[in-house]
Amino acid sequence: MENAAKQTGKPILMRLGIGLFAIGMLAVATVFVMFAAGLENLPVWLSAAAGVITPLGLLLGLIALIKEARAGKHG
């Protein structure tokens, strides 16, 4: 399975990190737009998604990047 991920370009962990980061940034933008529109009682799940999913995606991307760099150095 690892060979299939390397053949298609980015590893699965990197793709997952990019996807989660993009969803989180979309949630952050949505929160800003809703707040700018005058809405004060924003949904808790949206605020939680903006605050949790974005850094989680960034963390997964960094872990994938470090794993890839270490594999390239040793292999």
Protein backbone atom coordinates (compact mmCIF):
# COMPACT_ATOMS: atom_id res chain seq x y z
CA MET A 1 0.00 0.00 0.00
CA GLU A 2 2.89 2.35 0.68
CA ASN A 3 4.15 1.86 -2.87
CA ALA A 4 0.76 2.85 -4.26
CA ALA A 5 0.83 6.11 -2.28
CA LYS A 6 4.33 6.95 -3.53
CA GLN A 7 3.38 6.23 -7.14
CA THR A 8 0.44 8.65 -7.06
CA GLY A 9 2.49 11.51 -5.65
CA LYS A 10 1.78 12.52 -2.08
CA PRO A 11 1.46 10.00 0.76
CA ILE A 12 -1.98 9.33 2.23
CA LEU A 13 -1.15 11.16 5.46
CA MET A 14 -0.19 14.29 3.52
CA ARG A 15 -3.41 14.16 1.49
CA LEU A 16 -5.44 13.76 4.66
CA GLY A 17 -3.64 16.70 6.26
CA ILE A 18 -4.21 18.93 3.24
CA GLY A 19 -7.88 17.97 3.12
CA LEU A 20 -8.47 18.60 6.82
CA PHE A 21 -6.59 21.90 6.67
CA ALA A 22 -8.70 23.03 3.70
CA ILE A 23 -11.95 22.07 5.47
CA GLY A 24 -10.79 23.89 8.59
CA MET A 25 -9.90 27.02 6.66
CA LEU A 26 -13.32 26.92 5.02
CA ALA A 27 -14.86 26.75 8.51
CA VAL A 28 -12.72 29.71 9.65
CA ALA A 29 -13.80 31.77 6.64
CA THR A 30 -17.43 30.84 7.28
CA VAL A 31 -17.17 31.94 10.92
CA PHE A 32 -15.67 35.29 9.86
CA VAL A 33 -18.34 35.89 7.22
CA MET A 34 -21.17 34.99 9.59
CA PHE A 35 -19.73 37.22 12.32
CA ALA A 36 -19.24 40.10 9.87
CA ALA A 37 -22.86 39.68 8.77
CA GLY A 38 -23.95 40.43 12.32
CA LEU A 39 -24.72 36.95 13.58
CA GLU A 40 -23.68 36.59 17.20
CA ASN A 41 -24.86 33.10 18.14
CA LEU A 42 -22.73 31.01 15.82
CA PRO A 43 -23.12 27.22 15.88
CA VAL A 44 -20.77 25.58 18.36
CA TRP A 45 -19.89 22.79 15.92
CA LEU A 46 -18.73 25.36 13.36
CA SER A 47 -16.52 27.16 15.86
CA ALA A 48 -15.14 23.83 17.08
CA ALA A 49 -14.42 22.74 13.51
CA ALA A 50 -12.60 26.00 12.83
CA GLY A 51 -10.55 25.66 16.01
CA VAL A 52 -9.74 21.95 15.88
CA ILE A 53 -9.72 20.73 12.28
CA THR A 54 -7.37 23.42 10.94
CA PRO A 55 -4.49 22.75 13.37
CA LEU A 56 -5.09 19.01 13.13
CA GLY A 57 -4.65 19.16 9.35
CA LEU A 58 -1.52 21.25 9.75
CA LEU A 59 -0.11 18.79 12.29
CA LEU A 60 -0.80 15.78 10.04
CA GLY A 61 0.84 17.56 7.11
CA LEU A 62 3.94 18.34 9.16
CA ILE A 63 4.16 14.76 10.43
CA ALA A 64 3.92 13.47 6.86
CA LEU A 65 6.59 15.94 5.74
CA ILE A 66 8.96 14.88 8.52
CA LYS A 67 8.38 11.18 7.80
CA GLU A 68 9.06 11.76 4.11
CA ALA A 69 12.25 13.69 4.84
CA ARG A 70 13.54 11.00 7.19
CA ALA A 71 12.74 8.25 4.68
CA GLY A 72 14.60 10.16 1.97
CA LYS A 73 17.63 10.67 4.18
CA HIS A 74 17.91 7.01 5.15
CA GLY A 75 16.74 5.41 1.95
